[in-house]
């Protein structure tokens, strides 16, 4: 297959997502800002709005968010083999790390030094999640109606045992209902 101008090579996609998989911690949402820095700011492959649109799609479909995002970006820049390169690059480091931890490190989890490290890591991941959610909400809430729906969904998720998918589909359905003379998203026509 001939490579288009400006299209990254499969090895480039593999290496980028290998690094992201190896040095980003906390799951897909926590990794969002690291991935955004790489794709939007460093590589300039896409705009922030396009990144958040892709991230929304990666969050909505089943599977690990970062793997979904790797698949979307890999497909965009290299079709099947680009997606394969990005996904393999993403999952290879965590797989190897989990394998090593399962074989060798589980017996050390009772030591205070290791427990302290894990507790500090959990706090850092929590901070990354709050930061990423605040950035995402700031970029995607474009109306008072969106803000109310976001706040309501957050309260429901935090205060009840309702399954998150019920909240997701309810919120998506409510957001599709037009409000008076305004457009679908509550913005003026």
C-alpha atoms as a PDB file:
ATOM      1  CA  UNK A   1       0.000   0.000   0.000  1.00  0.00           C
ATOM      2  CA  UNK A   2       1.364   3.398  -0.936  1.00  0.00           C
ATOM      3  CA  UNK A   3       1.554   5.894   1.892  1.00  0.00           C
ATOM      4  CA  UNK A   4      -0.309   9.197   1.540  1.00  0.00           C
ATOM      5  CA  UNK A   5       1.510  12.470   2.127  1.00  0.00           C
ATOM      6  CA  UNK A   6       1.379  13.423   5.808  1.00  0.00           C
ATOM      7  CA  UNK A   7       0.259   9.940   6.859  1.00  0.00           C
ATOM      8  CA  UNK A   8       2.359   8.491   9.681  1.00  0.00           C
ATOM      9  CA  UNK A   9       3.962   5.108   9.175  1.00  0.00           C
ATOM     10  CA  UNK A  10       2.624   2.089  11.011  1.00  0.00           C
ATOM     11  CA  UNK A  11       5.848   1.913  12.999  1.00  0.00           C
ATOM     12  CA  UNK A  12       5.319   5.533  14.093  1.00  0.00           C
ATOM     13  CA  UNK A  13       1.790   4.722  15.270  1.00  0.00           C
ATOM     14  CA  UNK A  14       3.079   1.636  17.063  1.00  0.00           C
ATOM     15  CA  UNK A  15       5.863   3.569  18.830  1.00  0.00           C
ATOM     16  CA  UNK A  16       3.591   6.448  19.880  1.00  0.00           C
ATOM     17  CA  UNK A  17       0.978   4.150  21.376  1.00  0.00           C
ATOM     18  CA  UNK A  18       3.630   1.852  22.866  1.00  0.00           C
ATOM     19  CA  UNK A  19       5.005   4.842  24.776  1.00  0.00           C
ATOM     20  CA  UNK A  20       1.506   5.907  25.827  1.00  0.00           C
ATOM     21  CA  UNK A  21       0.718   2.381  26.997  1.00  0.00           C
ATOM     22  CA  UNK A  22       3.979   2.138  28.942  1.00  0.00           C
ATOM     23  CA  UNK A  23       4.055   5.522  30.647  1.00  0.00           C
ATOM     24  CA  UNK A  24       0.436   6.495  31.209  1.00  0.00           C
ATOM     25  CA  UNK A  25      -1.330   5.291  34.306  1.00  0.00           C
ATOM     26  CA  UNK A  26      -4.894   5.319  35.554  1.00  0.00           C
ATOM     27  CA  UNK A  27      -6.940   4.079  32.622  1.00  0.00           C
ATOM     28  CA  UNK A  28      -8.442   5.765  29.592  1.00  0.00           C
ATOM     29  CA  UNK A  29      -9.847   8.919  31.152  1.00  0.00           C
ATOM     30  CA  UNK A  30      -6.663   9.611  33.093  1.00  0.00           C
ATOM     31  CA  UNK A  31      -4.653   9.060  29.911  1.00  0.00           C
ATOM     32  CA  UNK A  32      -6.778  11.460  27.858  1.00  0.00           C
ATOM     33  CA  UNK A  33      -4.658  14.528  28.497  1.00  0.00           C
ATOM     34  CA  UNK A  34      -1.442  12.661  27.733  1.00  0.00           C
ATOM     35  CA  UNK A  35      -2.938  11.373  24.492  1.00  0.00           C
ATOM     36  CA  UNK A  36      -4.284  14.831  23.632  1.00  0.00           C
ATOM     37  CA  UNK A  37      -0.849  16.354  24.185  1.00  0.00           C
ATOM     38  CA  UNK A  38       0.704  13.789  21.836  1.00  0.00           C
ATOM     39  CA  UNK A  39      -1.874  13.965  19.028  1.00  0.00           C
ATOM     40  CA  UNK A  40      -3.028  17.606  19.198  1.00  0.00           C
ATOM     41  CA  UNK A  41      -0.111  19.626  20.531  1.00  0.00           C
ATOM     42  CA  UNK A  42       3.016  17.637  19.729  1.00  0.00           C
ATOM     43  CA  UNK A  43       2.102  15.930  16.442  1.00  0.00           C
ATOM     44  CA  UNK A  44      -0.574  18.446  15.357  1.00  0.00           C
ATOM     45  CA  UNK A  45      -2.506  15.647  13.679  1.00  0.00           C
ATOM     46  CA  UNK A  46      -5.906  16.944  14.810  1.00  0.00           C
ATOM     47  CA  UNK A  47      -7.724  19.821  16.482  1.00  0.00           C
ATOM     48  CA  UNK A  48      -8.814  19.726  20.121  1.00  0.00           C
ATOM     49  CA  UNK A  49     -12.453  19.564  19.056  1.00  0.00           C
ATOM     50  CA  UNK A  50     -11.749  16.564  16.800  1.00  0.00           C
ATOM     51  CA  UNK A  51      -9.835  14.922  19.652  1.00  0.00           C
ATOM     52  CA  UNK A  52     -12.729  15.350  22.089  1.00  0.00           C
ATOM     53  CA  UNK A  53     -15.200  14.066  19.495  1.00  0.00           C
ATOM     54  CA  UNK A  54     -13.066  10.943  18.993  1.00  0.00           C
ATOM     55  CA  UNK A  55     -12.620  10.589  22.752  1.00  0.00           C
ATOM     56  CA  UNK A  56     -16.393  10.747  23.230  1.00  0.00           C
ATOM     57  CA  UNK A  57     -16.830   7.966  20.671  1.00  0.00           C
ATOM     58  CA  UNK A  58     -14.078   5.892  22.324  1.00  0.00           C
ATOM     59  CA  UNK A  59     -15.832   6.295  25.670  1.00  0.00           C
ATOM     60  CA  UNK A  60     -19.262   5.335  24.356  1.00  0.00           C
ATOM     61  CA  UNK A  61     -18.330   2.055  22.674  1.00  0.00           C
ATOM     62  CA  UNK A  62     -17.540  -1.071  24.720  1.00  0.00           C
ATOM     63  CA  UNK A  63     -13.941  -1.772  25.618  1.00  0.00           C
ATOM     64  CA  UNK A  64     -11.004   0.005  27.172  1.00  0.00           C
ATOM     65  CA  UNK A  65     -11.090   3.702  26.281  1.00  0.00           C
ATOM     66  CA  UNK A  66      -7.412   3.953  25.376  1.00  0.00           C
ATOM     67  CA  UNK A  67      -7.603   0.853  23.168  1.00  0.00           C
ATOM     68  CA  UNK A  68     -10.689   2.257  21.440  1.00  0.00           C
ATOM     69  CA  UNK A  69      -8.905   5.569  20.949  1.00  0.00           C
ATOM     70  CA  UNK A  70      -5.833   3.798  19.563  1.00  0.00           C
ATOM     71  CA  UNK A  71      -8.054   1.916  17.136  1.00  0.00           C
ATOM     72  CA  UNK A  72      -9.810   5.110  15.981  1.00  0.00           C
ATOM     73  CA  UNK A  73      -6.559   7.013  15.494  1.00  0.00           C
ATOM     74  CA  UNK A  74      -4.784   4.063  13.895  1.00  0.00           C
ATOM     75  CA  UNK A  75      -7.666   3.567  11.462  1.00  0.00           C
ATOM     76  CA  UNK A  76      -7.705   7.262  10.613  1.00  0.00           C
ATOM     77  CA  UNK A  77      -4.009   7.361   9.752  1.00  0.00           C
ATOM     78  CA  UNK A  78      -3.314   3.850   8.491  1.00  0.00           C
ATOM     79  CA  UNK A  79      -6.585   1.959   8.050  1.00  0.00           C
ATOM     80  CA  UNK A  80      -6.450  -1.684   9.171  1.00  0.00           C
ATOM     81  CA  UNK A  81      -2.703  -2.001   9.722  1.00  0.00           C
ATOM     82  CA  UNK A  82      -2.565   1.434  11.355  1.00  0.00           C
ATOM     83  CA  UNK A  83      -5.296   0.392  13.788  1.00  0.00           C
ATOM     84  CA  UNK A  84      -3.555  -2.909  14.442  1.00  0.00           C
ATOM     85  CA  UNK A  85      -0.215  -1.165  15.053  1.00  0.00           C
ATOM     86  CA  UNK A  86      -1.732   1.379  17.442  1.00  0.00           C
ATOM     87  CA  UNK A  87      -3.761  -1.196  19.392  1.00  0.00           C
ATOM     88  CA  UNK A  88      -0.859  -3.645  19.766  1.00  0.00           C
ATOM     89  CA  UNK A  89       1.406  -0.785  20.820  1.00  0.00           C
ATOM     90  CA  UNK A  90      -1.140   0.273  23.431  1.00  0.00           C
ATOM     91  CA  UNK A  91      -1.808  -3.112  25.017  1.00  0.00           C
ATOM     92  CA  UNK A  92       1.675  -4.608  24.922  1.00  0.00           C
ATOM     93  CA  UNK A  93       3.246  -2.631  27.830  1.00  0.00           C
ATOM     94  CA  UNK A  94       0.344  -3.037  30.306  1.00  0.00           C
ATOM     95  CA  UNK A  95       0.110  -6.730  29.442  1.00  0.00           C
ATOM     96  CA  UNK A  96       3.820  -7.211  30.147  1.00  0.00           C
ATOM     97  CA  UNK A  97       3.677  -5.151  33.343  1.00  0.00           C
ATOM     98  CA  UNK A  98       0.618  -7.008  34.670  1.00  0.00           C
ATOM     99  CA  UNK A  99       2.250 -10.324  33.833  1.00  0.00           C
ATOM    100  CA  UNK A 100       5.415  -9.394  35.745  1.00  0.00           C
ATOM    101  CA  UNK A 101       3.393  -8.070  38.693  1.00  0.00           C
ATOM    102  CA  UNK A 102       1.245 -11.207  38.805  1.00  0.00           C
ATOM    103  CA  UNK A 103       4.284 -13.479  38.736  1.00  0.00           C
ATOM    104  CA  UNK A 104       6.731 -11.618  40.961  1.00  0.00           C
ATOM    105  CA  UNK A 105       5.340  -8.625  42.826  1.00  0.00           C
ATOM    106  CA  UNK A 106       2.030  -9.661  44.417  1.00  0.00           C
ATOM    107  CA  UNK A 107       3.803 -11.082  47.455  1.00  0.00           C
ATOM    108  CA  UNK A 108       5.369  -7.645  48.124  1.00  0.00           C
ATOM    109  CA  UNK A 109       2.041  -5.763  48.303  1.00  0.00           C
ATOM    110  CA  UNK A 110       1.884  -6.166  52.091  1.00  0.00           C
ATOM    111  CA  UNK A 111       5.024  -4.070  52.661  1.00  0.00           C
ATOM    112  CA  UNK A 112       4.373  -0.503  53.878  1.00  0.00           C
ATOM    113  CA  UNK A 113       6.684   1.030  51.259  1.00  0.00           C
ATOM    114  CA  UNK A 114       4.753  -0.642  48.423  1.00  0.00           C
ATOM    115  CA  UNK A 115       1.390   0.249  50.004  1.00  0.00           C
ATOM    116  CA  UNK A 116       2.507   3.873  50.287  1.00  0.00           C
ATOM    117  CA  UNK A 117       3.582   3.921  46.649  1.00  0.00           C
ATOM    118  CA  UNK A 118       0.233   2.490  45.531  1.00  0.00           C
ATOM    119  CA  UNK A 119      -1.690   4.955  47.709  1.00  0.00           C
ATOM    120  CA  UNK A 120       0.283   7.886  46.270  1.00  0.00           C
ATOM    121  CA  UNK A 121      -0.292   6.553  42.767  1.00  0.00           C
ATOM    122  CA  UNK A 122      -4.037   6.285  43.427  1.00  0.00           C
ATOM    123  CA  UNK A 123      -4.152   9.911  44.577  1.00  0.00           C
ATOM    124  CA  UNK A 124      -2.248  11.062  41.490  1.00  0.00           C
ATOM    125  CA  UNK A 125      -4.627   9.126  39.220  1.00  0.00           C
ATOM    126  CA  UNK A 126      -7.586  10.688  41.042  1.00  0.00           C
ATOM    127  CA  UNK A 127      -6.137  14.150  40.419  1.00  0.00           C
ATOM    128  CA  UNK A 128      -5.652  13.291  36.722  1.00  0.00           C
ATOM    129  CA  UNK A 129      -9.269  12.138  36.500  1.00  0.00           C
ATOM    130  CA  UNK A 130     -10.626  15.329  38.076  1.00  0.00           C
ATOM    131  CA  UNK A 131      -8.457  17.469  35.796  1.00  0.00           C
ATOM    132  CA  UNK A 132      -9.463  15.571  32.667  1.00  0.00           C
ATOM    133  CA  UNK A 133     -13.161  15.650  33.553  1.00  0.00           C
ATOM    134  CA  UNK A 134     -13.027  19.398  34.223  1.00  0.00           C
ATOM    135  CA  UNK A 135     -11.322  20.045  30.863  1.00  0.00           C
ATOM    136  CA  UNK A 136     -13.754  17.763  29.037  1.00  0.00           C
ATOM    137  CA  UNK A 137     -16.805  19.339  30.691  1.00  0.00           C
ATOM    138  CA  UNK A 138     -15.540  22.855  29.971  1.00  0.00           C
ATOM    139  CA  UNK A 139     -15.103  22.042  26.260  1.00  0.00           C
ATOM    140  CA  UNK A 140     -18.338  20.119  25.771  1.00  0.00           C
ATOM    141  CA  UNK A 141     -20.900  21.966  27.900  1.00  0.00           C
ATOM    142  CA  UNK A 142     -22.067  24.661  25.514  1.00  0.00           C
ATOM    143  CA  UNK A 143     -25.435  25.621  26.963  1.00  0.00           C
ATOM    144  CA  UNK A 144     -27.278  25.960  30.242  1.00  0.00           C
ATOM    145  CA  UNK A 145     -29.262  22.834  29.361  1.00  0.00           C
ATOM    146  CA  UNK A 146     -26.066  20.817  28.829  1.00  0.00           C
ATOM    147  CA  UNK A 147     -24.748  22.088  32.163  1.00  0.00           C
ATOM    148  CA  UNK A 148     -27.931  21.068  33.970  1.00  0.00           C
ATOM    149  CA  UNK A 149     -27.962  17.628  32.379  1.00  0.00           C
ATOM    150  CA  UNK A 150     -24.265  17.145  33.218  1.00  0.00           C
ATOM    151  CA  UNK A 151     -24.802  18.204  36.846  1.00  0.00           C
ATOM    152  CA  UNK A 152     -27.923  16.046  37.176  1.00  0.00           C
ATOM    153  CA  UNK A 153     -26.222  12.981  35.726  1.00  0.00           C
ATOM    154  CA  UNK A 154     -23.217  13.503  38.019  1.00  0.00           C
ATOM    155  CA  UNK A 155     -25.465  13.718  41.092  1.00  0.00           C
ATOM    156  CA  UNK A 156     -27.429  10.630  40.049  1.00  0.00           C
ATOM    157  CA  UNK A 157     -24.237   8.633  39.488  1.00  0.00           C
ATOM    158  CA  UNK A 158     -22.730   9.761  42.793  1.00  0.00           C
ATOM    159  CA  UNK A 159     -25.875   9.409  44.911  1.00  0.00           C
ATOM    160  CA  UNK A 160     -27.659   6.314  43.634  1.00  0.00           C
ATOM    161  CA  UNK A 161     -27.019   2.750  42.597  1.00  0.00           C
ATOM    162  CA  UNK A 162     -28.485   3.300  39.119  1.00  0.00           C
ATOM    163  CA  UNK A 163     -26.396   1.619  36.451  1.00  0.00           C
ATOM    164  CA  UNK A 164     -24.232   4.123  34.514  1.00  0.00           C
ATOM    165  CA  UNK A 165     -25.594   2.842  31.171  1.00  0.00           C
ATOM    166  CA  UNK A 166     -29.126   3.819  32.220  1.00  0.00           C
ATOM    167  CA  UNK A 167     -27.867   7.322  32.996  1.00  0.00           C
ATOM    168  CA  UNK A 168     -25.925   7.446  29.719  1.00  0.00           C
ATOM    169  CA  UNK A 169     -28.868   6.464  27.515  1.00  0.00           C
ATOM    170  CA  UNK A 170     -31.313   8.647  29.461  1.00  0.00           C
ATOM    171  CA  UNK A 171     -29.049  11.673  29.175  1.00  0.00           C
ATOM    172  CA  UNK A 172     -28.428  11.052  25.470  1.00  0.00           C
ATOM    173  CA  UNK A 173     -32.174  10.758  24.895  1.00  0.00           C
ATOM    174  CA  UNK A 174     -32.964  13.922  26.860  1.00  0.00           C
ATOM    175  CA  UNK A 175     -30.346  15.870  24.954  1.00  0.00           C
ATOM    176  CA  UNK A 176     -31.953  14.944  21.640  1.00  0.00           C
ATOM    177  CA  UNK A 177     -35.317  16.482  22.612  1.00  0.00           C
ATOM    178  CA  UNK A 178     -35.595  20.000  21.166  1.00  0.00           C
ATOM    179  CA  UNK A 179     -36.318  22.752  23.663  1.00  0.00           C
ATOM    180  CA  UNK A 180     -38.712  25.436  22.392  1.00  0.00           C
ATOM    181  CA  UNK A 181     -37.342  27.450  19.465  1.00  0.00           C
ATOM    182  CA  UNK A 182     -33.731  26.455  20.048  1.00  0.00           C
ATOM    183  CA  UNK A 183     -31.693  23.825  18.246  1.00  0.00           C
ATOM    184  CA  UNK A 184     -31.091  20.259  19.336  1.00  0.00           C
ATOM    185  CA  UNK A 185     -28.297  21.174  21.757  1.00  0.00           C
ATOM    186  CA  UNK A 186     -30.093  24.074  23.393  1.00  0.00           C
ATOM    187  CA  UNK A 187     -28.134  26.644  21.405  1.00  0.00           C
ATOM    188  CA  UNK A 188     -29.804  29.382  19.431  1.00  0.00           C
ATOM    189  CA  UNK A 189     -30.477  28.553  15.754  1.00  0.00           C
END
